[in-house]
Amino acid sequence: LGAEDKTVVLKKCGPSIGSNSDELTRRDAVLAYLTAGGQYFRVGG
């Protein structure tokens, strides 16, 4: 309890969407938004 632990317990990746720049740009923007969070739970789309 209260101990930070960044051990990877599960990683799953889907099939590649190739070089679809629009989709990857949107994905990166969503992840950037979530990275700058500051809350325990956050969603974005």
All heavy atoms as atom14 arrays in JSON, in Angstrom:
{
  "sequence": "LGAEDKTVVLKKCGPSIGSNSDELTRRDAVLAYLTAGGQYFRVGG",
  "atom14_mask": [
    [1, 1, 1, 1, 1, 1, 1, 1, 0, 0, 0, 0, 0, 0],
    [1, 1, 1, 1, 0, 0, 0, 0, 0, 0, 0, 0, 0, 0],
    [1, 1, 1, 1, 1, 0, 0, 0, 0, 0, 0, 0, 0, 0],
    [1, 1, 1, 1, 1, 1, 1, 1, 1, 0, 0, 0, 0, 0],
    [1, 1, 1, 1, 1, 1, 1, 1, 0, 0, 0, 0, 0, 0],
    [1, 1, 1, 1, 1, 1, 1, 1, 1, 0, 0, 0, 0, 0],
    [1, 1, 1, 1, 1, 1, 1, 0, 0, 0, 0, 0, 0, 0],
    [1, 1, 1, 1, 1, 1, 1, 0, 0, 0, 0, 0, 0, 0],
    [1, 1, 1, 1, 1, 1, 1, 0, 0, 0, 0, 0, 0, 0],
    [1, 1, 1, 1, 1, 1, 1, 1, 0, 0, 0, 0, 0, 0],
    [1, 1, 1, 1, 1, 1, 1, 1, 1, 0, 0, 0, 0, 0],
    [1, 1, 1, 1, 1, 1, 1, 1, 1, 0, 0, 0, 0, 0],
    [1, 1, 1, 1, 1, 1, 0, 0, 0, 0, 0, 0, 0, 0],
    [1, 1, 1, 1, 0, 0, 0, 0, 0, 0, 0, 0, 0, 0],
    [1, 1, 1, 1, 1, 1, 1, 0, 0, 0, 0, 0, 0, 0],
    [1, 1, 1, 1, 1, 1, 0, 0, 0, 0, 0, 0, 0, 0],
    [1, 1, 1, 1, 1, 1, 1, 1, 0, 0, 0, 0, 0, 0],
    [1, 1, 1, 1, 0, 0, 0, 0, 0, 0, 0, 0, 0, 0],
    [1, 1, 1, 1, 1, 1, 0, 0, 0, 0, 0, 0, 0, 0],
    [1, 1, 1, 1, 1, 1, 1, 1, 0, 0, 0, 0, 0, 0],
    [1, 1, 1, 1, 1, 1, 0, 0, 0, 0, 0, 0, 0, 0],
    [1, 1, 1, 1, 1, 1, 1, 1, 0, 0, 0, 0, 0, 0],
    [1, 1, 1, 1, 1, 1, 1, 1, 1, 0, 0, 0, 0, 0],
    [1, 1, 1, 1, 1, 1, 1, 1, 0, 0, 0, 0, 0, 0],
    [1, 1, 1, 1, 1, 1, 1, 0, 0, 0, 0, 0, 0, 0],
    [1, 1, 1, 1, 1, 1, 1, 1, 1, 1, 1, 0, 0, 0],
    [1, 1, 1, 1, 1, 1, 1, 1, 1, 1, 1, 0, 0, 0],
    [1, 1, 1, 1, 1, 1, 1, 1, 0, 0, 0, 0, 0, 0],
    [1, 1, 1, 1, 1, 0, 0, 0, 0, 0, 0, 0, 0, 0],
    [1, 1, 1, 1, 1, 1, 1, 0, 0, 0, 0, 0, 0, 0],
    [1, 1, 1, 1, 1, 1, 1, 1, 0, 0, 0, 0, 0, 0],
    [1, 1, 1, 1, 1, 0, 0, 0, 0, 0, 0, 0, 0, 0],
    [1, 1, 1, 1, 1, 1, 1, 1, 1, 1, 1, 1, 0, 0],
    [1, 1, 1, 1, 1, 1, 1, 1, 0, 0, 0, 0, 0, 0],
    [1, 1, 1, 1, 1, 1, 1, 0, 0, 0, 0, 0, 0, 0],
    [1, 1, 1, 1, 1, 0, 0, 0, 0, 0, 0, 0, 0, 0],
    [1, 1, 1, 1, 0, 0, 0, 0, 0, 0, 0, 0, 0, 0],
    [1, 1, 1, 1, 0, 0, 0, 0, 0, 0, 0, 0, 0, 0],
    [1, 1, 1, 1, 1, 1, 1, 1, 1, 0, 0, 0, 0, 0],
    [1, 1, 1, 1, 1, 1, 1, 1, 1, 1, 1, 1, 0, 0],
    [1, 1, 1, 1, 1, 1, 1, 1, 1, 1, 1, 0, 0, 0],
    [1, 1, 1, 1, 1, 1, 1, 1, 1, 1, 1, 0, 0, 0],
    [1, 1, 1, 1, 1, 1, 1, 0, 0, 0, 0, 0, 0, 0],
    [1, 1, 1, 1, 0, 0, 0, 0, 0, 0, 0, 0, 0, 0],
    [1, 1, 1, 1, 0, 0, 0, 0, 0, 0, 0, 0, 0, 0]
  ],
  "atom14_positions": [
    [[0.83, -1.2, 0.0], [0.0, 0.0, 0.0], [0.87, 1.26, 0.0], [1.79, 1.39, 0.79], [-0.92, 0.0, 1.22], [-1.85, -1.21, 1.37], [-2.65, -1.13, 2.65], [-2.77, -1.34, 0.16], [0.0, 0.0, 0.0], [0.0, 0.0, 0.0], [0.0, 0.0, 0.0], [0.0, 0.0, 0.0], [0.0, 0.0, 0.0], [0.0, 0.0, 0.0]],
    [[0.56, 2.17, -0.9], [1.29, 3.43, -0.97], [2.63, 3.35, -1.66], [3.34, 4.34, -1.76], [0.0, 0.0, 0.0], [0.0, 0.0, 0.0], [0.0, 0.0, 0.0], [0.0, 0.0, 0.0], [0.0, 0.0, 0.0], [0.0, 0.0, 0.0], [0.0, 0.0, 0.0], [0.0, 0.0, 0.0], [0.0, 0.0, 0.0], [0.0, 0.0, 0.0]],
    [[3.0, 2.17, -2.14], [4.31, 2.0, -2.79], [4.17, 2.15, -4.3], [3.33, 1.49, -4.91], [4.89, 0.63, -2.45], [0.0, 0.0, 0.0], [0.0, 0.0, 0.0], [0.0, 0.0, 0.0], [0.0, 0.0, 0.0], [0.0, 0.0, 0.0], [0.0, 0.0, 0.0], [0.0, 0.0, 0.0], [0.0, 0.0, 0.0], [0.0, 0.0, 0.0]],
    [[4.98, 3.01, -4.89], [4.96, 3.16, -6.35], [5.56, 1.91, -6.98], [6.57, 1.39, -6.53], [5.76, 4.4, -6.75], [5.6, 4.78, -8.21], [6.26, 6.11, -8.55], [6.97, 6.66, -7.69], [6.07, 6.58, -9.68], [0.0, 0.0, 0.0], [0.0, 0.0, 0.0], [0.0, 0.0, 0.0], [0.0, 0.0, 0.0], [0.0, 0.0, 0.0]],
    [[4.92, 1.4, -8.0], [5.38, 0.17, -8.66], [5.04, 0.27, -10.15], [3.88, 0.21, -10.54], [4.69, -1.05, -8.04], [5.25, -2.37, -8.56], [6.02, -2.35, -9.54], [4.9, -3.42, -7.99], [0.0, 0.0, 0.0], [0.0, 0.0, 0.0], [0.0, 0.0, 0.0], [0.0, 0.0, 0.0], [0.0, 0.0, 0.0], [0.0, 0.0, 0.0]],
    [[6.08, 0.42, -10.98], [5.88, 0.58, -12.42], [6.24, -0.69, -13.19], [6.52, -0.64, -14.38], [6.68, 1.78, -12.92], [6.18, 3.11, -12.38], [6.93, 4.3, -12.94], [8.28, 4.45, -12.31], [8.95, 5.72, -12.69], [0.0, 0.0, 0.0], [0.0, 0.0, 0.0], [0.0, 0.0, 0.0], [0.0, 0.0, 0.0], [0.0, 0.0, 0.0]],
    [[6.18, -1.83, -12.49], [6.41, -3.11, -13.16], [5.34, -3.35, -14.22], [4.15, -3.16, -13.96], [6.36, -4.27, -12.13], [7.29, -4.01, -11.09], [6.68, -5.61, -12.79], [0.0, 0.0, 0.0], [0.0, 0.0, 0.0], [0.0, 0.0, 0.0], [0.0, 0.0, 0.0], [0.0, 0.0, 0.0], [0.0, 0.0, 0.0], [0.0, 0.0, 0.0]],
    [[5.74, -3.77, -15.41], [4.77, -4.09, -16.46], [4.14, -5.44, -16.14], [4.83, -6.45, -16.02], [5.43, -4.13, -17.85], [4.41, -4.55, -18.92], [6.03, -2.77, -18.2], [0.0, 0.0, 0.0], [0.0, 0.0, 0.0], [0.0, 0.0, 0.0], [0.0, 0.0, 0.0], [0.0, 0.0, 0.0], [0.0, 0.0, 0.0], [0.0, 0.0, 0.0]],
    [[2.81, -5.47, -16.01], [2.12, -6.74, -15.74], [1.36, -7.24, -16.96], [1.06, -8.42, -17.07], [1.17, -6.64, -14.53], [1.95, -6.49, -13.25], [0.18, -5.5, -14.69], [0.0, 0.0, 0.0], [0.0, 0.0, 0.0], [0.0, 0.0, 0.0], [0.0, 0.0, 0.0], [0.0, 0.0, 0.0], [0.0, 0.0, 0.0], [0.0, 0.0, 0.0]],
    [[1.06, -6.35, -17.89], [0.37, -6.77, -19.11], [0.56, -5.74, -20.21], [0.36, -4.55, -20.0], [-1.13, -6.97, -18.85], [-2.0, -7.27, -20.07], [-1.58, -8.58, -20.71], [-3.47, -7.32, -19.69], [0.0, 0.0, 0.0], [0.0, 0.0, 0.0], [0.0, 0.0, 0.0], [0.0, 0.0, 0.0], [0.0, 0.0, 0.0], [0.0, 0.0, 0.0]],
    [[0.95, -6.23, -21.38], [1.04, -5.38, -22.57], [0.34, -6.1, -23.7], [0.59, -7.28, -23.95], [2.5, -5.13, -22.95], [2.66, -4.29, -24.23], [4.07, -4.34, -24.77], [4.35, -5.63, -25.5], [5.67, -5.65, -26.18], [0.0, 0.0, 0.0], [0.0, 0.0, 0.0], [0.0, 0.0, 0.0], [0.0, 0.0, 0.0], [0.0, 0.0, 0.0]],
    [[-0.57, -5.39, -24.37], [-1.23, -5.95, -25.55], [-1.28, -4.88, -26.64], [-1.62, -3.73, -26.38], [-2.67, -6.39, -25.21], [-2.76, -7.53, -24.22], [-4.18, -8.08, -24.11], [-5.12, -7.08, -23.47], [-6.48, -7.66, -23.3], [0.0, 0.0, 0.0], [0.0, 0.0, 0.0], [0.0, 0.0, 0.0], [0.0, 0.0, 0.0], [0.0, 0.0, 0.0]],
    [[-0.9, -5.28, -27.84], [-0.9, -4.35, -28.97], [-1.73, -4.95, -30.11], [-1.62, -6.15, -30.4], [0.51, -4.08, -29.47], [1.64, -3.42, -28.23], [0.0, 0.0, 0.0], [0.0, 0.0, 0.0], [0.0, 0.0, 0.0], [0.0, 0.0, 0.0], [0.0, 0.0, 0.0], [0.0, 0.0, 0.0], [0.0, 0.0, 0.0], [0.0, 0.0, 0.0]],
    [[-2.51, -4.11, -30.75], [-3.32, -4.56, -31.87], [-2.55, -4.58, -33.17], [-1.34, -4.3, -33.2], [0.0, 0.0, 0.0], [0.0, 0.0, 0.0], [0.0, 0.0, 0.0], [0.0, 0.0, 0.0], [0.0, 0.0, 0.0], [0.0, 0.0, 0.0], [0.0, 0.0, 0.0], [0.0, 0.0, 0.0], [0.0, 0.0, 0.0], [0.0, 0.0, 0.0]],
    [[-3.21, -4.91, -34.27], [-2.56, -4.92, -35.58], [-2.18, -3.51, -36.02], [-2.77, -2.54, -35.57], [-3.63, -5.52, -36.5], [-4.93, -5.2, -35.82], [-4.66, -5.28, -34.35], [0.0, 0.0, 0.0], [0.0, 0.0, 0.0], [0.0, 0.0, 0.0], [0.0, 0.0, 0.0], [0.0, 0.0, 0.0], [0.0, 0.0, 0.0], [0.0, 0.0, 0.0]],
    [[-1.2, -3.42, -36.88], [-0.73, -2.12, -37.33], [-1.76, -1.45, -38.25], [-2.43, -2.11, -39.04], [0.59, -2.28, -38.09], [0.98, -1.04, -38.65], [0.0, 0.0, 0.0], [0.0, 0.0, 0.0], [0.0, 0.0, 0.0], [0.0, 0.0, 0.0], [0.0, 0.0, 0.0], [0.0, 0.0, 0.0], [0.0, 0.0, 0.0], [0.0, 0.0, 0.0]],
    [[-1.87, -0.13, -38.1], [-2.73, 0.64, -39.01], [-1.88, 1.28, -40.11], [-2.33, 2.15, -40.83], [-3.53, 1.73, -38.26], [-2.6, 2.64, -37.47], [-4.59, 1.11, -37.38], [-3.32, 3.79, -36.78], [0.0, 0.0, 0.0], [0.0, 0.0, 0.0], [0.0, 0.0, 0.0], [0.0, 0.0, 0.0], [0.0, 0.0, 0.0], [0.0, 0.0, 0.0]],
    [[-0.62, 0.84, -40.18], [0.27, 1.34, -41.22], [0.68, 2.78, -40.98], [0.82, 3.21, -39.84], [0.0, 0.0, 0.0], [0.0, 0.0, 0.0], [0.0, 0.0, 0.0], [0.0, 0.0, 0.0], [0.0, 0.0, 0.0], [0.0, 0.0, 0.0], [0.0, 0.0, 0.0], [0.0, 0.0, 0.0], [0.0, 0.0, 0.0], [0.0, 0.0, 0.0]],
    [[0.82, 3.52, -42.04], [1.3, 4.9, -41.92], [0.17, 5.91, -42.1], [0.37, 6.97, -42.69], [2.4, 5.16, -42.95], [1.9, 4.88, -44.25], [0.0, 0.0, 0.0], [0.0, 0.0, 0.0], [0.0, 0.0, 0.0], [0.0, 0.0, 0.0], [0.0, 0.0, 0.0], [0.0, 0.0, 0.0], [0.0, 0.0, 0.0], [0.0, 0.0, 0.0]],
    [[-1.02, 5.56, -41.61], [-2.15, 6.48, -41.7], [-1.88, 7.67, -40.78], [-2.11, 7.61, -39.58], [-3.45, 5.76, -41.28], [-4.69, 6.62, -41.5], [-4.66, 7.84, -41.3], [-5.77, 5.99, -41.93], [0.0, 0.0, 0.0], [0.0, 0.0, 0.0], [0.0, 0.0, 0.0], [0.0, 0.0, 0.0], [0.0, 0.0, 0.0], [0.0, 0.0, 0.0]],
    [[-1.36, 8.73, -41.37], [-0.87, 9.86, -40.56], [-1.98, 10.54, -39.77], [-1.76, 11.0, -38.65], [-0.15, 10.87, -41.45], [-1.03, 11.37, -42.45], [0.0, 0.0, 0.0], [0.0, 0.0, 0.0], [0.0, 0.0, 0.0], [0.0, 0.0, 0.0], [0.0, 0.0, 0.0], [0.0, 0.0, 0.0], [0.0, 0.0, 0.0], [0.0, 0.0, 0.0]],
    [[-3.18, 10.6, -40.33], [-4.28, 11.26, -39.63], [-4.65, 10.51, -38.36], [-4.8, 11.09, -37.29], [-5.51, 11.38, -40.56], [-6.67, 12.09, -39.86], [-6.5, 13.26, -39.46], [-7.74, 11.47, -39.72], [0.0, 0.0, 0.0], [0.0, 0.0, 0.0], [0.0, 0.0, 0.0], [0.0, 0.0, 0.0], [0.0, 0.0, 0.0], [0.0, 0.0, 0.0]],
    [[-4.78, 9.19, -38.48], [-5.13, 8.39, -37.3], [-4.02, 8.42, -36.26], [-4.28, 8.52, -35.06], [-5.43, 6.94, -37.72], [-6.73, 6.78, -38.48], [-7.08, 5.32, -38.72], [-6.51, 4.45, -38.04], [-7.91, 5.05, -39.61], [0.0, 0.0, 0.0], [0.0, 0.0, 0.0], [0.0, 0.0, 0.0], [0.0, 0.0, 0.0], [0.0, 0.0, 0.0]],
    [[-2.76, 8.33, -36.71], [-1.65, 8.36, -35.77], [-1.53, 9.72, -35.1], [-1.21, 9.82, -33.91], [-0.35, 7.99, -36.48], [-0.22, 6.54, -36.94], [1.07, 6.34, -37.74], [-0.26, 5.59, -35.75], [0.0, 0.0, 0.0], [0.0, 0.0, 0.0], [0.0, 0.0, 0.0], [0.0, 0.0, 0.0], [0.0, 0.0, 0.0], [0.0, 0.0, 0.0]],
    [[-1.81, 10.78, -35.86], [-1.78, 12.12, -35.28], [-2.83, 12.28, -34.2], [-2.57, 12.82, -33.13], [-1.99, 13.19, -36.38], [-0.92, 13.12, -37.32], [-2.02, 14.59, -35.78], [0.0, 0.0, 0.0], [0.0, 0.0, 0.0], [0.0, 0.0, 0.0], [0.0, 0.0, 0.0], [0.0, 0.0, 0.0], [0.0, 0.0, 0.0], [0.0, 0.0, 0.0]],
    [[-4.03, 11.78, -34.49], [-5.1, 11.84, -33.48], [-4.74, 11.0, -32.26], [-4.96, 11.41, -31.12], [-6.42, 11.36, -34.08], [-7.05, 12.34, -35.06], [-8.36, 11.82, -35.63], [-8.97, 12.79, -36.53], [-9.74, 13.8, -36.13], [-10.01, 13.95, -34.86], [-10.26, 14.63, -37.0], [0.0, 0.0, 0.0], [0.0, 0.0, 0.0], [0.0, 0.0, 0.0]],
    [[-4.18, 9.82, -32.49], [-3.77, 8.96, -31.39], [-2.75, 9.67, -30.5], [-2.85, 9.69, -29.27], [-3.19, 7.66, -31.96], [-2.91, 6.53, -30.95], [-1.58, 6.64, -30.24], [-0.43, 6.85, -31.08], [0.29, 5.89, -31.67], [-0.05, 4.63, -31.47], [1.34, 6.19, -32.41], [0.0, 0.0, 0.0], [0.0, 0.0, 0.0], [0.0, 0.0, 0.0]],
    [[-1.73, 10.26, -31.14], [-0.69, 10.95, -30.38], [-1.24, 12.14, -29.62], [-0.79, 12.44, -28.5], [0.43, 11.41, -31.33], [1.27, 10.24, -31.84], [1.14, 9.13, -31.28], [2.03, 10.44, -32.81], [0.0, 0.0, 0.0], [0.0, 0.0, 0.0], [0.0, 0.0, 0.0], [0.0, 0.0, 0.0], [0.0, 0.0, 0.0], [0.0, 0.0, 0.0]],
    [[-2.21, 12.83, -30.21], [-2.82, 13.97, -29.53], [-3.59, 13.51, -28.29], [-3.53, 14.15, -27.24], [-3.75, 14.72, -30.48], [0.0, 0.0, 0.0], [0.0, 0.0, 0.0], [0.0, 0.0, 0.0], [0.0, 0.0, 0.0], [0.0, 0.0, 0.0], [0.0, 0.0, 0.0], [0.0, 0.0, 0.0], [0.0, 0.0, 0.0], [0.0, 0.0, 0.0]],
    [[-4.32, 12.42, -28.43], [-5.07, 11.89, -27.29], [-4.12, 11.48, -26.18], [-4.34, 11.8, -25.0], [-5.94, 10.68, -27.73], [-6.53, 9.97, -26.51], [-7.07, 11.16, -28.64], [0.0, 0.0, 0.0], [0.0, 0.0, 0.0], [0.0, 0.0, 0.0], [0.0, 0.0, 0.0], [0.0, 0.0, 0.0], [0.0, 0.0, 0.0], [0.0, 0.0, 0.0]],
    [[-3.04, 10.78, -26.52], [-2.08, 10.34, -25.51], [-1.37, 11.53, -24.87], [-1.09, 11.52, -23.66], [-1.07, 9.37, -26.12], [-1.62, 8.01, -26.56], [-0.53, 7.15, -27.17], [-2.3, 7.28, -25.4], [0.0, 0.0, 0.0], [0.0, 0.0, 0.0], [0.0, 0.0, 0.0], [0.0, 0.0, 0.0], [0.0, 0.0, 0.0], [0.0, 0.0, 0.0]],
    [[-1.1, 12.57, -25.64], [-0.48, 13.78, -25.08], [-1.43, 14.44, -24.09], [-1.0, 14.91, -23.02], [-0.11, 14.74, -26.2], [0.0, 0.0, 0.0], [0.0, 0.0, 0.0], [0.0, 0.0, 0.0], [0.0, 0.0, 0.0], [0.0, 0.0, 0.0], [0.0, 0.0, 0.0], [0.0, 0.0, 0.0], [0.0, 0.0, 0.0], [0.0, 0.0, 0.0]],
    [[-2.7, 14.48, -24.43], [-3.71, 15.05, -23.53], [-3.78, 14.26, -22.23], [-3.83, 14.82, -21.13], [-5.08, 15.04, -24.23], [-6.23, 15.36, -23.31], [-6.48, 16.67, -22.92], [-7.07, 14.36, -22.84], [-7.54, 16.97, -22.07], [-8.13, 14.64, -21.99], [-8.35, 15.95, -21.61], [-9.4, 16.24, -20.77], [0.0, 0.0, 0.0], [0.0, 0.0, 0.0]],
    [[-3.75, 12.93, -22.34], [-3.83, 12.09, -21.15], [-2.57, 12.19, -20.31], [-2.63, 12.11, -19.07], [-4.07, 10.63, -21.55], [-5.41, 10.35, -22.26], [-5.46, 8.89, -22.73], [-6.58, 10.64, -21.34], [0.0, 0.0, 0.0], [0.0, 0.0, 0.0], [0.0, 0.0, 0.0], [0.0, 0.0, 0.0], [0.0, 0.0, 0.0], [0.0, 0.0, 0.0]],
    [[-1.41, 12.38, -20.94], [-0.15, 12.5, -20.21], [-0.15, 13.73, -19.33], [0.41, 13.73, -18.23], [1.04, 12.57, -21.18], [1.03, 11.42, -22.02], [2.36, 12.62, -20.44], [0.0, 0.0, 0.0], [0.0, 0.0, 0.0], [0.0, 0.0, 0.0], [0.0, 0.0, 0.0], [0.0, 0.0, 0.0], [0.0, 0.0, 0.0], [0.0, 0.0, 0.0]],
    [[-0.79, 14.79, -19.79], [-0.79, 16.06, -19.06], [-1.94, 16.12, -18.06], [-2.44, 17.2, -17.77], [-0.88, 17.21, -20.05], [0.0, 0.0, 0.0], [0.0, 0.0, 0.0], [0.0, 0.0, 0.0], [0.0, 0.0, 0.0], [0.0, 0.0, 0.0], [0.0, 0.0, 0.0], [0.0, 0.0, 0.0], [0.0, 0.0, 0.0], [0.0, 0.0, 0.0]],
    [[-2.35, 15.0, -17.56], [-3.56, 14.91, -16.75], [-3.52, 15.55, -15.39], [-3.85, 16.7, -15.19], [0.0, 0.0, 0.0], [0.0, 0.0, 0.0], [0.0, 0.0, 0.0], [0.0, 0.0, 0.0], [0.0, 0.0, 0.0], [0.0, 0.0, 0.0], [0.0, 0.0, 0.0], [0.0, 0.0, 0.0], [0.0, 0.0, 0.0], [0.0, 0.0, 0.0]],
    [[-3.07, 14.8, -14.38], [-3.13, 15.3, -13.02], [-4.28, 14.72, -12.23], [-4.51, 15.1, -11.09], [0.0, 0.0, 0.0], [0.0, 0.0, 0.0], [0.0, 0.0, 0.0], [0.0, 0.0, 0.0], [0.0, 0.0, 0.0], [0.0, 0.0, 0.0], [0.0, 0.0, 0.0], [0.0, 0.0, 0.0], [0.0, 0.0, 0.0], [0.0, 0.0, 0.0]],
    [[-5.04, 13.8, -12.83], [-6.12, 13.12, -12.13], [-5.83, 11.63, -12.09], [-5.04, 11.11, -12.86], [-7.47, 13.36, -12.82], [-7.89, 14.82, -12.87], [-7.74, 15.4, -14.27], [-7.03, 14.86, -15.1], [-8.39, 16.53, -14.5], [0.0, 0.0, 0.0], [0.0, 0.0, 0.0], [0.0, 0.0, 0.0], [0.0, 0.0, 0.0], [0.0, 0.0, 0.0]],
    [[-6.52, 10.93, -11.17], [-6.35, 9.48, -11.05], [-7.04, 8.74, -12.2], [-6.66, 7.62, -12.52], [-6.89, 8.98, -9.71], [-6.04, 9.38, -8.53], [-6.43, 10.41, -7.67], [-4.82, 8.74, -8.29], [-5.63, 10.76, -6.59], [-4.02, 9.09, -7.22], [-4.43, 10.11, -6.37], [-3.63, 10.47, -5.31], [0.0, 0.0, 0.0], [0.0, 0.0, 0.0]],
    [[-8.04, 9.35, -12.79], [-8.75, 8.72, -13.91], [-9.01, 9.8, -14.95], [-9.47, 10.9, -14.63], [-10.08, 8.13, -13.44], [-10.94, 7.61, -14.57], [-10.65, 6.43, -15.22], [-12.07, 8.33, -14.96], [-11.44, 5.95, -16.25], [-12.89, 7.87, -16.0], [-12.58, 6.67, -16.64], [0.0, 0.0, 0.0], [0.0, 0.0, 0.0], [0.0, 0.0, 0.0]],
    [[-8.7, 9.48, -16.21], [-8.91, 10.47, -17.26], [-9.2, 9.77, -18.57], [-8.59, 8.75, -18.89], [-7.67, 11.36, -17.41], [-7.95, 12.63, -18.21], [-6.77, 13.58, -18.17], [-7.2, 14.92, -18.56], [-6.39, 15.93, -18.77], [-5.08, 15.77, -18.65], [-6.85, 17.12, -19.11], [0.0, 0.0, 0.0], [0.0, 0.0, 0.0], [0.0, 0.0, 0.0]],
    [[-10.12, 10.31, -19.33], [-10.42, 9.81, -20.67], [-10.36, 10.97, -21.65], [-10.52, 12.13, -21.27], [-11.83, 9.14, -20.74], [-11.87, 7.89, -19.9], [-12.92, 10.12, -20.31], [0.0, 0.0, 0.0], [0.0, 0.0, 0.0], [0.0, 0.0, 0.0], [0.0, 0.0, 0.0], [0.0, 0.0, 0.0], [0.0, 0.0, 0.0], [0.0, 0.0, 0.0]],
    [[-10.13, 10.64, -22.9], [-10.1, 11.66, -23.94], [-10.29, 11.01, -25.29], [-10.03, 9.81, -25.46], [0.0, 0.0, 0.0], [0.0, 0.0, 0.0], [0.0, 0.0, 0.0], [0.0, 0.0, 0.0], [0.0, 0.0, 0.0], [0.0, 0.0, 0.0], [0.0, 0.0, 0.0], [0.0, 0.0, 0.0], [0.0, 0.0, 0.0], [0.0, 0.0, 0.0]],
    [[-10.78, 11.79, -26.25], [-10.99, 11.22, -27.57], [-10.99, 12.27, -28.64], [-11.26, 13.45, -28.39], [0.0, 0.0, 0.0], [0.0, 0.0, 0.0], [0.0, 0.0, 0.0], [0.0, 0.0, 0.0], [0.0, 0.0, 0.0], [0.0, 0.0, 0.0], [0.0, 0.0, 0.0], [0.0, 0.0, 0.0], [0.0, 0.0, 0.0], [0.0, 0.0, 0.0]]
  ]
}
